[in-house]
Amino acid sequence: MTRYEKGKEVLESIQERPVEEIFKEIEDIAPDLGRFVIEYPYSEIYTRSQVDLKTRELCTVAALTVLGTIPQLKDHINAALNVGNDETEIVEIIMQMSAYCGFPKAINGIVAAKEVFNERD
């Protein structure tokens, strides 16, 4: 199995949608960027056995909250739910990030989480 195939399998399993849909927005301008994302973090990092996907997704939610990258945060909140985290765990992690990134980013993260939770209901 190639790095791309391995990463694609992981990404599609946690996002529950095809890779082509995930990277549709950038395909026309930077097609290699989507491939890089698939081949490195999803093939090389997410498949390491030392940490499970549930924990990895909570860490990703925390990092994206701190960075304030809302579109990707919403994707990873969905992924966190898809791999077994519950809404309470996600809210707690985002709230904890207020100590590291400030209240505005934490509030934005909570609003993003609320939107994802409402979309899924």
PDB file of N, CA and C in Angstrom:
ATOM      1  N   MET A   1       0.849  -1.177   0.000  1.00  0.00           N
ATOM      2  CA  MET A   1       0.000   0.000   0.000  1.00  0.00           C
ATOM      3  C   MET A   1       0.894   1.239   0.000  1.00  0.00           C
ATOM      4  N   THR A   2       0.596   2.207  -0.847  1.00  0.00           N
ATOM      5  CA  THR A   2       1.389   3.439  -0.908  1.00  0.00           C
ATOM      6  C   THR A   2       1.048   4.347   0.267  1.00  0.00           C
ATOM      7  N   ARG A   3       1.894   5.340   0.496  1.00  0.00           N
ATOM      8  CA  ARG A   3       1.633   6.328   1.550  1.00  0.00           C
ATOM      9  C   ARG A   3       0.308   7.031   1.290  1.00  0.00           C
ATOM     10  N   TYR A   4       0.047   7.354   0.038  1.00  0.00           N
ATOM     11  CA  TYR A   4      -1.201   8.030  -0.320  1.00  0.00           C
ATOM     12  C   TYR A   4      -2.403   7.144   0.017  1.00  0.00           C
ATOM     13  N   GLU A   5      -2.363   5.893  -0.388  1.00  0.00           N
ATOM     14  CA  GLU A   5      -3.479   4.976  -0.126  1.00  0.00           C
ATOM     15  C   GLU A   5      -3.700   4.784   1.375  1.00  0.00           C
ATOM     16  N   LYS A   6      -2.606   4.646   2.108  1.00  0.00           N
ATOM     17  CA  LYS A   6      -2.680   4.467   3.556  1.00  0.00           C
ATOM     18  C   LYS A   6      -3.300   5.699   4.221  1.00  0.00           C
ATOM     19  N   GLY A   7      -2.817   6.885   3.841  1.00  0.00           N
ATOM     20  CA  GLY A   7      -3.340   8.127   4.411  1.00  0.00           C
ATOM     21  C   GLY A   7      -4.783   8.391   4.005  1.00  0.00           C
ATOM     22  N   LYS A   8      -5.106   8.084   2.757  1.00  0.00           N
ATOM     23  CA  LYS A   8      -6.478   8.274   2.270  1.00  0.00           C
ATOM     24  C   LYS A   8      -7.446   7.407   3.058  1.00  0.00           C
ATOM     25  N   GLU A   9      -7.056   6.179   3.326  1.00  0.00           N
ATOM     26  CA  GLU A   9      -7.907   5.258   4.088  1.00  0.00           C
ATOM     27  C   GLU A   9      -8.196   5.813   5.492  1.00  0.00           C
ATOM     28  N   VAL A  10      -7.168   6.339   6.145  1.00  0.00           N
ATOM     29  CA  VAL A  10      -7.339   6.894   7.489  1.00  0.00           C
ATOM     30  C   VAL A  10      -8.214   8.151   7.440  1.00  0.00           C
ATOM     31  N   LEU A  11      -7.883   9.066   6.545  1.00  0.00           N
ATOM     32  CA  LEU A  11      -8.611  10.330   6.458  1.00  0.00           C
ATOM     33  C   LEU A  11     -10.086  10.104   6.154  1.00  0.00           C
ATOM     34  N   GLU A  12     -10.368   9.250   5.203  1.00  0.00           N
ATOM     35  CA  GLU A  12     -11.764   8.996   4.850  1.00  0.00           C
ATOM     36  C   GLU A  12     -12.507   8.273   5.975  1.00  0.00           C
ATOM     37  N   SER A  13     -11.800   7.473   6.757  1.00  0.00           N
ATOM     38  CA  SER A  13     -12.476   6.768   7.852  1.00  0.00           C
ATOM     39  C   SER A  13     -12.860   7.719   8.981  1.00  0.00           C
ATOM     40  N   ILE A  14     -12.038   8.722   9.256  1.00  0.00           N
ATOM     41  CA  ILE A  14     -12.379   9.631  10.352  1.00  0.00           C
ATOM     42  C   ILE A  14     -13.254  10.795   9.903  1.00  0.00           C
ATOM     43  N   GLN A  15     -13.121  11.193   8.648  1.00  0.00           N
ATOM     44  CA  GLN A  15     -13.953  12.289   8.146  1.00  0.00           C
ATOM     45  C   GLN A  15     -15.281  11.791   7.582  1.00  0.00           C
ATOM     46  N   GLU A  16     -15.343  10.517   7.253  1.00  0.00           N
ATOM     47  CA  GLU A  16     -16.546   9.888   6.699  1.00  0.00           C
ATOM     48  C   GLU A  16     -17.043  10.573   5.430  1.00  0.00           C
ATOM     49  N   ARG A  17     -16.080  10.996   4.611  1.00  0.00           N
ATOM     50  CA  ARG A  17     -16.393  11.531   3.284  1.00  0.00           C
ATOM     51  C   ARG A  17     -15.173  11.359   2.394  1.00  0.00           C
ATOM     52  N   PRO A  18     -15.369  11.335   1.077  1.00  0.00           N
ATOM     53  CA  PRO A  18     -14.253  11.072   0.161  1.00  0.00           C
ATOM     54  C   PRO A  18     -13.204  12.192   0.177  1.00  0.00           C
ATOM     55  N   VAL A  19     -11.962  11.805  -0.015  1.00  0.00           N
ATOM     56  CA  VAL A  19     -10.848  12.747  -0.062  1.00  0.00           C
ATOM     57  C   VAL A  19     -11.111  13.834  -1.112  1.00  0.00           C
ATOM     58  N   GLU A  20     -11.679  13.443  -2.233  1.00  0.00           N
ATOM     59  CA  GLU A  20     -11.932  14.410  -3.305  1.00  0.00           C
ATOM     60  C   GLU A  20     -12.839  15.544  -2.818  1.00  0.00           C
ATOM     61  N   GLU A  21     -13.767  15.226  -1.957  1.00  0.00           N
ATOM     62  CA  GLU A  21     -14.662  16.245  -1.399  1.00  0.00           C
ATOM     63  C   GLU A  21     -13.932  17.129  -0.393  1.00  0.00           C
ATOM     64  N   ILE A  22     -13.062  16.535   0.404  1.00  0.00           N
ATOM     65  CA  ILE A  22     -12.339  17.267   1.443  1.00  0.00           C
ATOM     66  C   ILE A  22     -11.436  18.335   0.832  1.00  0.00           C
ATOM     67  N   PHE A  23     -10.755  17.997  -0.247  1.00  0.00           N
ATOM     68  CA  PHE A  23      -9.787  18.922  -0.844  1.00  0.00           C
ATOM     69  C   PHE A  23     -10.298  19.596  -2.122  1.00  0.00           C
ATOM     70  N   LYS A  24     -11.581  19.515  -2.371  1.00  0.00           N
ATOM     71  CA  LYS A  24     -12.181  20.087  -3.573  1.00  0.00           C
ATOM     72  C   LYS A  24     -11.859  21.577  -3.729  1.00  0.00           C
ATOM     73  N   GLU A  25     -11.903  22.305  -2.625  1.00  0.00           N
ATOM     74  CA  GLU A  25     -11.705  23.752  -2.643  1.00  0.00           C
ATOM     75  C   GLU A  25     -10.313  24.171  -3.114  1.00  0.00           C
ATOM     76  N   ILE A  26      -9.308  23.326  -2.937  1.00  0.00           N
ATOM     77  CA  ILE A  26      -7.940  23.704  -3.316  1.00  0.00           C
ATOM     78  C   ILE A  26      -7.416  22.935  -4.529  1.00  0.00           C
ATOM     79  N   GLU A  27      -8.178  21.974  -5.011  1.00  0.00           N
ATOM     80  CA  GLU A  27      -7.726  21.092  -6.100  1.00  0.00           C
ATOM     81  C   GLU A  27      -7.268  21.867  -7.338  1.00  0.00           C
ATOM     82  N   ASP A  28      -7.985  22.917  -7.704  1.00  0.00           N
ATOM     83  CA  ASP A  28      -7.663  23.646  -8.930  1.00  0.00           C
ATOM     84  C   ASP A  28      -6.423  24.522  -8.813  1.00  0.00           C
ATOM     85  N   ILE A  29      -6.080  24.941  -7.620  1.00  0.00           N
ATOM     86  CA  ILE A  29      -4.950  25.853  -7.452  1.00  0.00           C
ATOM     87  C   ILE A  29      -3.708  25.187  -6.854  1.00  0.00           C
ATOM     88  N   ALA A  30      -3.909  24.198  -5.980  1.00  0.00           N
ATOM     89  CA  ALA A  30      -2.772  23.541  -5.323  1.00  0.00           C
ATOM     90  C   ALA A  30      -3.068  22.061  -5.108  1.00  0.00           C
ATOM     91  N   PRO A  31      -3.166  21.302  -6.187  1.00  0.00           N
ATOM     92  CA  PRO A  31      -3.536  19.890  -6.037  1.00  0.00           C
ATOM     93  C   PRO A  31      -2.547  19.078  -5.205  1.00  0.00           C
ATOM     94  N   ASP A  32      -1.292  19.452  -5.217  1.00  0.00           N
ATOM     95  CA  ASP A  32      -0.307  18.703  -4.444  1.00  0.00           C
ATOM     96  C   ASP A  32      -0.472  18.898  -2.938  1.00  0.00           C
ATOM     97  N   LEU A  33      -1.051  20.012  -2.508  1.00  0.00           N
ATOM     98  CA  LEU A  33      -1.202  20.270  -1.080  1.00  0.00           C
ATOM     99  C   LEU A  33      -2.068  19.201  -0.416  1.00  0.00           C
ATOM    100  N   GLY A  34      -3.182  18.849  -1.034  1.00  0.00           N
ATOM    101  CA  GLY A  34      -4.031  17.787  -0.500  1.00  0.00           C
ATOM    102  C   GLY A  34      -3.281  16.475  -0.421  1.00  0.00           C
ATOM    103  N   ARG A  35      -2.502  16.178  -1.445  1.00  0.00           N
ATOM    104  CA  ARG A  35      -1.713  14.944  -1.455  1.00  0.00           C
ATOM    105  C   ARG A  35      -0.691  14.957  -0.320  1.00  0.00           C
ATOM    106  N   PHE A  36      -0.047  16.107  -0.092  1.00  0.00           N
ATOM    107  CA  PHE A  36       0.925  16.207   1.000  1.00  0.00           C
ATOM    108  C   PHE A  36       0.258  15.928   2.348  1.00  0.00           C
ATOM    109  N   VAL A  37      -0.934  16.483   2.552  1.00  0.00           N
ATOM    110  CA  VAL A  37      -1.659  16.275   3.807  1.00  0.00           C
ATOM    111  C   VAL A  37      -1.992  14.795   3.981  1.00  0.00           C
ATOM    112  N   ILE A  38      -2.420  14.166   2.918  1.00  0.00           N
ATOM    113  CA  ILE A  38      -2.775  12.742   2.981  1.00  0.00           C
ATOM    114  C   ILE A  38      -1.540  11.891   3.256  1.00  0.00           C
ATOM    115  N   GLU A  39      -0.440  12.190   2.563  1.00  0.00           N
ATOM    116  CA  GLU A  39       0.750  11.345   2.667  1.00  0.00           C
ATOM    117  C   GLU A  39       1.552  11.552   3.950  1.00  0.00           C
ATOM    118  N   TYR A  40       1.513  12.747   4.529  1.00  0.00           N
ATOM    119  CA  TYR A  40       2.301  12.920   5.741  1.00  0.00           C
ATOM    120  C   TYR A  40       1.483  12.732   7.020  1.00  0.00           C
ATOM    121  N   PRO A  41       0.645  13.680   7.444  1.00  0.00           N
ATOM    122  CA  PRO A  41       0.028  13.458   8.756  1.00  0.00           C
ATOM    123  C   PRO A  41      -0.861  12.222   8.817  1.00  0.00           C
ATOM    124  N   TYR A  42      -1.642  11.978   7.762  1.00  0.00           N
ATOM    125  CA  TYR A  42      -2.581  10.854   7.854  1.00  0.00           C
ATOM    126  C   TYR A  42      -1.928   9.507   7.599  1.00  0.00           C
ATOM    127  N   SER A  43      -0.882   9.479   6.806  1.00  0.00           N
ATOM    128  CA  SER A  43      -0.191   8.210   6.562  1.00  0.00           C
ATOM    129  C   SER A  43       0.902   7.943   7.593  1.00  0.00           C
ATOM    130  N   GLU A  44       1.649   8.971   7.928  1.00  0.00           N
ATOM    131  CA  GLU A  44       2.819   8.768   8.784  1.00  0.00           C
ATOM    132  C   GLU A  44       2.558   9.024  10.272  1.00  0.00           C
ATOM    133  N   ILE A  45       1.679   9.943  10.620  1.00  0.00           N
ATOM    134  CA  ILE A  45       1.450  10.294  12.024  1.00  0.00           C
ATOM    135  C   ILE A  45       0.227   9.571  12.593  1.00  0.00           C
ATOM    136  N   TYR A  46      -0.908   9.729  11.927  1.00  0.00           N
ATOM    137  CA  TYR A  46      -2.154   9.165  12.452  1.00  0.00           C
ATOM    138  C   TYR A  46      -2.131   7.642  12.555  1.00  0.00           C
ATOM    139  N   THR A  47      -1.275   6.985  11.827  1.00  0.00           N
ATOM    140  CA  THR A  47      -1.239   5.519  11.850  1.00  0.00           C
ATOM    141  C   THR A  47      -0.258   4.955  12.878  1.00  0.00           C
ATOM    142  N   ARG A  48       0.458   5.805  13.577  1.00  0.00           N
ATOM    143  CA  ARG A  48       1.374   5.319  14.609  1.00  0.00           C
ATOM    144  C   ARG A  48       0.567   4.701  15.745  1.00  0.00           C
ATOM    145  N   SER A  49       1.057   3.621  16.289  1.00  0.00           N
ATOM    146  CA  SER A  49       0.287   2.858  17.272  1.00  0.00           C
ATOM    147  C   SER A  49       0.380   3.385  18.707  1.00  0.00           C
ATOM    148  N   GLN A  50       1.277   4.317  18.965  1.00  0.00           N
ATOM    149  CA  GLN A  50       1.498   4.759  20.335  1.00  0.00           C
ATOM    150  C   GLN A  50       0.322   5.556  20.922  1.00  0.00           C
ATOM    151  N   VAL A  51      -0.478   6.201  20.064  1.00  0.00           N
ATOM    152  CA  VAL A  51      -1.622   7.002  20.513  1.00  0.00           C
ATOM    153  C   VAL A  51      -2.812   6.660  19.627  1.00  0.00           C
ATOM    154  N   ASP A  52      -3.971   6.470  20.228  1.00  0.00           N
ATOM    155  CA  ASP A  52      -5.152   6.111  19.441  1.00  0.00           C
ATOM    156  C   ASP A  52      -5.761   7.327  18.725  1.00  0.00           C
ATOM    157  N   LEU A  53      -6.635   7.052  17.780  1.00  0.00           N
ATOM    158  CA  LEU A  53      -7.256   8.124  16.983  1.00  0.00           C
ATOM    159  C   LEU A  53      -8.107   9.051  17.843  1.00  0.00           C
ATOM    160  N   LYS A  54      -8.748   8.527  18.851  1.00  0.00           N
ATOM    161  CA  LYS A  54      -9.576   9.339  19.734  1.00  0.00           C
ATOM    162  C   LYS A  54      -8.728  10.433  20.392  1.00  0.00           C
ATOM    163  N   THR A  55      -7.580  10.047  20.914  1.00  0.00           N
ATOM    164  CA  THR A  55      -6.676  11.003  21.552  1.00  0.00           C
ATOM    165  C   THR A  55      -6.087  11.959  20.529  1.00  0.00           C
ATOM    166  N   ARG A  56      -5.683  11.437  19.386  1.00  0.00           N
ATOM    167  CA  ARG A  56      -5.116  12.294  18.338  1.00  0.00           C
ATOM    168  C   ARG A  56      -6.108  13.379  17.920  1.00  0.00           C
ATOM    169  N   GLU A  57      -7.373  13.002  17.794  1.00  0.00           N
ATOM    170  CA  GLU A  57      -8.360  13.995  17.376  1.00  0.00           C
ATOM    171  C   GLU A  57      -8.607  15.042  18.458  1.00  0.00           C
ATOM    172  N   LEU A  58      -8.600  14.654  19.723  1.00  0.00           N
ATOM    173  CA  LEU A  58      -8.727  15.661  20.783  1.00  0.00           C
ATOM    174  C   LEU A  58      -7.545  16.626  20.764  1.00  0.00           C
ATOM    175  N   CYS A  59      -6.348  16.098  20.526  1.00  0.00           N
ATOM    176  CA  CYS A  59      -5.165  16.955  20.423  1.00  0.00           C
ATOM    177  C   CYS A  59      -5.283  17.910  19.241  1.00  0.00           C
ATOM    178  N   THR A  60      -5.805  17.412  18.140  1.00  0.00           N
ATOM    179  CA  THR A  60      -5.975  18.241  16.953  1.00  0.00           C
ATOM    180  C   THR A  60      -7.013  19.326  17.204  1.00  0.00           C
ATOM    181  N   VAL A  61      -8.096  18.981  17.874  1.00  0.00           N
ATOM    182  CA  VAL A  61      -9.105  19.987  18.235  1.00  0.00           C
ATOM    183  C   VAL A  61      -8.463  21.067  19.102  1.00  0.00           C
ATOM    184  N   ALA A  62      -7.643  20.665  20.060  1.00  0.00           N
ATOM    185  CA  ALA A  62      -6.961  21.636  20.922  1.00  0.00           C
ATOM    186  C   ALA A  62      -6.050  22.549  20.109  1.00  0.00           C
ATOM    187  N   ALA A  63      -5.246  21.968  19.241  1.00  0.00           N
ATOM    188  CA  ALA A  63      -4.299  22.760  18.448  1.00  0.00           C
ATOM    189  C   ALA A  63      -5.021  23.732  17.520  1.00  0.00           C
ATOM    190  N   LEU A  64      -6.062  23.269  16.863  1.00  0.00           N
ATOM    191  CA  LEU A  64      -6.782  24.137  15.930  1.00  0.00           C
ATOM    192  C   LEU A  64      -7.560  25.227  16.656  1.00  0.00           C
ATOM    193  N   THR A  65      -7.996  24.942  17.881  1.00  0.00           N
ATOM    194  CA  THR A  65      -8.624  25.986  18.698  1.00  0.00           C
ATOM    195  C   THR A  65      -7.615  27.083  18.990  1.00  0.00           C
ATOM    196  N   VAL A  66      -6.419  26.687  19.416  1.00  0.00           N
ATOM    197  CA  VAL A  66      -5.366  27.654  19.727  1.00  0.00           C
ATOM    198  C   VAL A  66      -4.991  28.472  18.493  1.00  0.00           C
ATOM    199  N   LEU A  67      -4.928  27.809  17.351  1.00  0.00           N
ATOM    200  CA  LEU A  67      -4.582  28.512  16.111  1.00  0.00           C
ATOM    201  C   LEU A  67      -5.724  29.367  15.581  1.00  0.00           C
ATOM    202  N   GLY A  68      -6.947  29.019  15.940  1.00  0.00           N
ATOM    203  CA  GLY A  68      -8.103  29.779  15.471  1.00  0.00           C
ATOM    204  C   GLY A  68      -8.515  29.452  14.048  1.00  0.00           C
ATOM    205  N   THR A  69      -8.188  28.265  13.581  1.00  0.00           N
ATOM    206  CA  THR A  69      -8.516  27.867  12.208  1.00  0.00           C
ATOM    207  C   THR A  69      -9.863  27.155  12.193  1.00  0.00           C
ATOM    208  N   ILE A  70     -10.923  27.946  12.106  1.00  0.00           N
ATOM    209  CA  ILE A  70     -12.278  27.440  12.303  1.00  0.00           C
ATOM    210  C   ILE A  70     -12.727  26.407  11.267  1.00  0.00           C
ATOM    211  N   PRO A  71     -12.512  26.596   9.962  1.00  0.00           N
ATOM    212  CA  PRO A  71     -12.993  25.543   9.038  1.00  0.00           C
ATOM    213  C   PRO A  71     -12.379  24.175   9.335  1.00  0.00           C
ATOM    214  N   GLN A  72     -11.085  24.133   9.575  1.00  0.00           N
ATOM    215  CA  GLN A  72     -10.429  22.869   9.887  1.00  0.00           C
ATOM    216  C   GLN A  72     -10.839  22.370  11.268  1.00  0.00           C
ATOM    217  N   LEU A  73     -11.059  23.288  12.210  1.00  0.00           N
ATOM    218  CA  LEU A  73     -11.514  22.900  13.544  1.00  0.00           C
ATOM    219  C   LEU A  73     -12.851  22.178  13.450  1.00  0.00           C
ATOM    220  N   LYS A  74     -13.762  22.706  12.662  1.00  0.00           N
ATOM    221  CA  LYS A  74     -15.065  22.058  12.520  1.00  0.00           C
ATOM    222  C   LYS A  74     -14.913  20.663  11.912  1.00  0.00           C
ATOM    223  N   ASP A  75     -14.038  20.527  10.929  1.00  0.00           N
ATOM    224  CA  ASP A  75     -13.786  19.197  10.352  1.00  0.00           C
ATOM    225  C   ASP A  75     -13.284  18.227  11.413  1.00  0.00           C
ATOM    226  N   HIS A  76     -12.393  18.704  12.266  1.00  0.00           N
ATOM    227  CA  HIS A  76     -11.804  17.814  13.266  1.00  0.00           C
ATOM    228  C   HIS A  76     -12.715  17.593  14.474  1.00  0.00           C
ATOM    229  N   ILE A  77     -13.624  18.505  14.741  1.00  0.00           N
ATOM    230  CA  ILE A  77     -14.643  18.230  15.752  1.00  0.00           C
ATOM    231  C   ILE A  77     -15.516  17.088  15.258  1.00  0.00           C
ATOM    232  N   ASN A  78     -15.895  17.137  13.985  1.00  0.00           N
ATOM    233  CA  ASN A  78     -16.636  16.025  13.384  1.00  0.00           C
ATOM    234  C   ASN A  78     -15.840  14.730  13.476  1.00  0.00           C
ATOM    235  N   ALA A  79     -14.570  14.797  13.129  1.00  0.00           N
ATOM    236  CA  ALA A  79     -13.724  13.603  13.173  1.00  0.00           C
ATOM    237  C   ALA A  79     -13.605  13.078  14.604  1.00  0.00           C
ATOM    238  N   ALA A  80     -13.458  13.986  15.572  1.00  0.00           N
ATOM    239  CA  ALA A  80     -13.364  13.568  16.975  1.00  0.00           C
ATOM    240  C   ALA A  80     -14.620  12.814  17.396  1.00  0.00           C
ATOM    241  N   LEU A  81     -15.756  13.293  16.972  1.00  0.00           N
ATOM    242  CA  LEU A  81     -17.009  12.589  17.265  1.00  0.00           C
ATOM    243  C   LEU A  81     -17.052  11.237  16.549  1.00  0.00           C
ATOM    244  N   ASN A  82     -16.569  11.217  15.317  1.00  0.00           N
ATOM    245  CA  ASN A  82     -16.590   9.984  14.521  1.00  0.00           C
ATOM    246  C   ASN A  82     -15.719   8.876  15.100  1.00  0.00           C
ATOM    247  N   VAL A  83     -14.675   9.245  15.852  1.00  0.00           N
ATOM    248  CA  VAL A  83     -13.778   8.219  16.403  1.00  0.00           C
ATOM    249  C   VAL A  83     -14.047   7.930  17.877  1.00  0.00           C
ATOM    250  N   GLY A  84     -15.166   8.422  18.403  1.00  0.00           N
ATOM    251  CA  GLY A  84     -15.576   8.013  19.730  1.00  0.00           C
ATOM    252  C   GLY A  84     -15.552   9.043  20.834  1.00  0.00           C
ATOM    253  N   ASN A  85     -15.119  10.260  20.554  1.00  0.00           N
ATOM    254  CA  ASN A  85     -15.206  11.303  21.576  1.00  0.00           C
ATOM    255  C   ASN A  85     -16.652  11.760  21.679  1.00  0.00           C
ATOM    256  N   ASP A  86     -17.024  12.268  22.856  1.00  0.00           N
ATOM    257  CA  ASP A  86     -18.376  12.807  22.970  1.00  0.00           C
ATOM    258  C   ASP A  86     -18.323  14.331  23.065  1.00  0.00           C
ATOM    259  N   GLU A  87     -19.480  14.944  22.976  1.00  0.00           N
ATOM    260  CA  GLU A  87     -19.572  16.405  22.956  1.00  0.00           C
ATOM    261  C   GLU A  87     -18.957  17.021  24.211  1.00  0.00           C
ATOM    262  N   THR A  88     -19.174  16.410  25.362  1.00  0.00           N
ATOM    263  CA  THR A  88     -18.650  16.941  26.620  1.00  0.00           C
ATOM    264  C   THR A  88     -17.130  16.980  26.616  1.00  0.00           C
ATOM    265  N   GLU A  89     -16.492  15.924  26.122  1.00  0.00           N
ATOM    266  CA  GLU A  89     -15.022  15.894  26.056  1.00  0.00           C
ATOM    267  C   GLU A  89     -14.494  17.008  25.153  1.00  0.00           C
ATOM    268  N   ILE A  90     -15.131  17.187  24.016  1.00  0.00           N
ATOM    269  CA  ILE A  90     -14.694  18.211  23.065  1.00  0.00           C
ATOM    270  C   ILE A  90     -14.842  19.601  23.670  1.00  0.00           C
ATOM    271  N   VAL A  91     -15.985  19.868  24.307  1.00  0.00           N
ATOM    272  CA  VAL A  91     -16.204  21.171  24.947  1.00  0.00           C
ATOM    273  C   VAL A  91     -15.161  21.409  26.033  1.00  0.00           C
ATOM    274  N   GLU A  92     -14.868  20.402  26.845  1.00  0.00           N
ATOM    275  CA  GLU A  92     -13.875  20.552  27.920  1.00  0.00           C
ATOM    276  C   GLU A  92     -12.486  20.880  27.370  1.00  0.00           C
ATOM    277  N   ILE A  93     -12.101  20.213  26.297  1.00  0.00           N
ATOM    278  CA  ILE A  93     -10.785  20.475  25.690  1.00  0.00           C
ATOM    279  C   ILE A  93     -10.722  21.892  25.144  1.00  0.00           C
ATOM    280  N   ILE A  94     -11.780  22.328  24.469  1.00  0.00           N
ATOM    281  CA  ILE A  94     -11.798  23.696  23.930  1.00  0.00           C
ATOM    282  C   ILE A  94     -11.765  24.705  25.080  1.00  0.00           C
ATOM    283  N   MET A  95     -12.530  24.458  26.132  1.00  0.00           N
ATOM    284  CA  MET A  95     -12.515  25.366  27.290  1.00  0.00           C
ATOM    285  C   MET A  95     -11.131  25.434  27.933  1.00  0.00           C
ATOM    286  N   GLN A  96     -10.449  24.292  28.024  1.00  0.00           N
ATOM    287  CA  GLN A  96      -9.107  24.275  28.596  1.00  0.00           C
ATOM    288  C   GLN A  96      -8.152  25.160  27.795  1.00  0.00           C
ATOM    289  N   MET A  97      -8.353  25.232  26.495  1.00  0.00           N
ATOM    290  CA  MET A  97      -7.467  26.022  25.648  1.00  0.00           C
ATOM    291  C   MET A  97      -7.574  27.517  25.925  1.00  0.00           C
ATOM    292  N   SER A  98      -8.637  27.953  26.606  1.00  0.00           N
ATOM    293  CA  SER A  98      -8.761  29.382  26.944  1.00  0.00           C
ATOM    294  C   SER A  98      -7.574  29.852  27.783  1.00  0.00           C
ATOM    295  N   ALA A  99      -6.993  28.951  28.560  1.00  0.00           N
ATOM    296  CA  ALA A  99      -5.832  29.301  29.382  1.00  0.00           C
ATOM    297  C   ALA A  99      -4.574  29.508  28.553  1.00  0.00           C
ATOM    298  N   TYR A 100      -4.566  28.989  27.328  1.00  0.00           N
ATOM    299  CA  TYR A 100      -3.367  29.043  26.490  1.00  0.00           C
ATOM    300  C   TYR A 100      -3.507  29.969  25.294  1.00  0.00           C
ATOM    301  N   CYS A 101      -4.737  30.188  24.840  1.00  0.00           N
ATOM    302  CA  CYS A 101      -4.920  31.010  23.636  1.00  0.00           C
ATOM    303  C   CYS A 101      -5.828  32.200  23.874  1.00  0.00           C
ATOM    304  N   GLY A 102      -6.426  32.292  25.041  1.00  0.00           N
ATOM    305  CA  GLY A 102      -7.305  33.403  25.361  1.00  0.00           C
ATOM    306  C   GLY A 102      -8.769  33.058  25.135  1.00  0.00           C
ATOM    307  N   PHE A 103      -9.596  33.890  25.723  1.00  0.00           N
ATOM    308  CA  PHE A 103     -11.026  33.656  25.645  1.00  0.00           C
ATOM    309  C   PHE A 103     -11.614  33.824  24.252  1.00  0.00           C
ATOM    310  N   PRO A 104     -11.173  34.810  23.446  1.00  0.00           N
ATOM    311  CA  PRO A 104     -11.790  34.941  22.118  1.00  0.00           C
ATOM    312  C   PRO A 104     -11.662  33.678  21.259  1.00  0.00           C
ATOM    313  N   LYS A 105     -10.485  33.063  21.226  1.00  0.00           N
ATOM    314  CA  LYS A 105     -10.317  31.846  20.427  1.00  0.00           C
ATOM    315  C   LYS A 105     -11.088  30.682  21.029  1.00  0.00           C
ATOM    316  N   ALA A 106     -11.124  30.592  22.345  1.00  0.00           N
ATOM    317  CA  ALA A 106     -11.893  29.517  22.986  1.00  0.00           C
ATOM    318  C   ALA A 106     -13.385  29.690  22.707  1.00  0.00           C
ATOM    319  N   ILE A 107     -13.864  30.918  22.787  1.00  0.00           N
ATOM    320  CA  ILE A 107     -15.278  31.173  22.480  1.00  0.00           C
ATOM    321  C   ILE A 107     -15.575  30.824  21.028  1.00  0.00           C
ATOM    322  N   ASN A 108     -14.688  31.223  20.113  1.00  0.00           N
ATOM    323  CA  ASN A 108     -14.877  30.863  18.699  1.00  0.00           C
ATOM    324  C   ASN A 108     -14.887  29.350  18.519  1.00  0.00           C
ATOM    325  N   GLY A 109     -14.041  28.652  19.271  1.00  0.00           N
ATOM    326  CA  GLY A 109     -14.018  27.194  19.202  1.00  0.00           C
ATOM    327  C   GLY A 109     -15.307  26.582  19.716  1.00  0.00           C
ATOM    328  N   ILE A 110     -15.841  27.138  20.789  1.00  0.00           N
ATOM    329  CA  ILE A 110     -17.106  26.639  21.337  1.00  0.00           C
ATOM    330  C   ILE A 110     -18.251  26.888  20.356  1.00  0.00           C
ATOM    331  N   VAL A 111     -18.240  28.046  19.729  1.00  0.00           N
ATOM    332  CA  VAL A 111     -19.277  28.339  18.728  1.00  0.00           C
ATOM    333  C   VAL A 111     -19.166  27.359  17.559  1.00  0.00           C
ATOM    334  N   ALA A 112     -17.949  27.073  17.123  1.00  0.00           N
ATOM    335  CA  ALA A 112     -17.749  26.094  16.045  1.00  0.00           C
ATOM    336  C   ALA A 112     -18.258  24.724  16.473  1.00  0.00           C
ATOM    337  N   ALA A 113     -17.954  24.341  17.704  1.00  0.00           N
ATOM    338  CA  ALA A 113     -18.423  23.040  18.214  1.00  0.00           C
ATOM    339  C   ALA A 113     -19.945  22.998  18.244  1.00  0.00           C
ATOM    340  N   LYS A 114     -20.563  24.058  18.716  1.00  0.00           N
ATOM    341  CA  LYS A 114     -22.023  24.119  18.771  1.00  0.00           C
ATOM    342  C   LYS A 114     -22.623  23.954  17.377  1.00  0.00           C
ATOM    343  N   GLU A 115     -22.012  24.608  16.381  1.00  0.00           N
ATOM    344  CA  GLU A 115     -22.494  24.483  15.009  1.00  0.00           C
ATOM    345  C   GLU A 115     -22.392  23.030  14.508  1.00  0.00           C
ATOM    346  N   VAL A 116     -21.266  22.396  14.802  1.00  0.00           N
ATOM    347  CA  VAL A 116     -21.084  20.996  14.384  1.00  0.00           C
ATOM    348  C   VAL A 116     -22.104  20.106  15.096  1.00  0.00           C
ATOM    349  N   PHE A 117     -22.258  20.288  16.388  1.00  0.00           N
ATOM    350  CA  PHE A 117     -23.204  19.461  17.142  1.00  0.00           C
ATOM    351  C   PHE A 117     -24.614  19.623  16.590  1.00  0.00           C
ATOM    352  N   ASN A 118     -24.997  20.865  16.307  1.00  0.00           N
ATOM    353  CA  ASN A 118     -26.347  21.124  15.763  1.00  0.00           C
ATOM    354  C   ASN A 118     -26.522  20.517  14.370  1.00  0.00           C
ATOM    355  N   GLU A 119     -25.471  20.599  13.548  1.00  0.00           N
ATOM    356  CA  GLU A 119     -25.546  20.008  12.194  1.00  0.00           C
ATOM    357  C   GLU A 119     -25.697  18.507  12.251  1.00  0.00           C
ATOM    358  N   ARG A 120     -25.108  17.884  13.250  1.00  0.00           N
ATOM    359  CA  ARG A 120     -25.149  16.417  13.366  1.00  0.00           C
ATOM    360  C   ARG A 120     -26.453  15.897  13.961  1.00  0.00           C
ATOM    361  N   ASP A 121     -27.165  16.761  14.693  1.00  0.00           N
ATOM    362  CA  ASP A 121     -28.428  16.317  15.333  1.00  0.00           C
ATOM    363  C   ASP A 121     -29.548  16.145  14.344  1.00  0.00           C
TER     364      ASP A 121
END
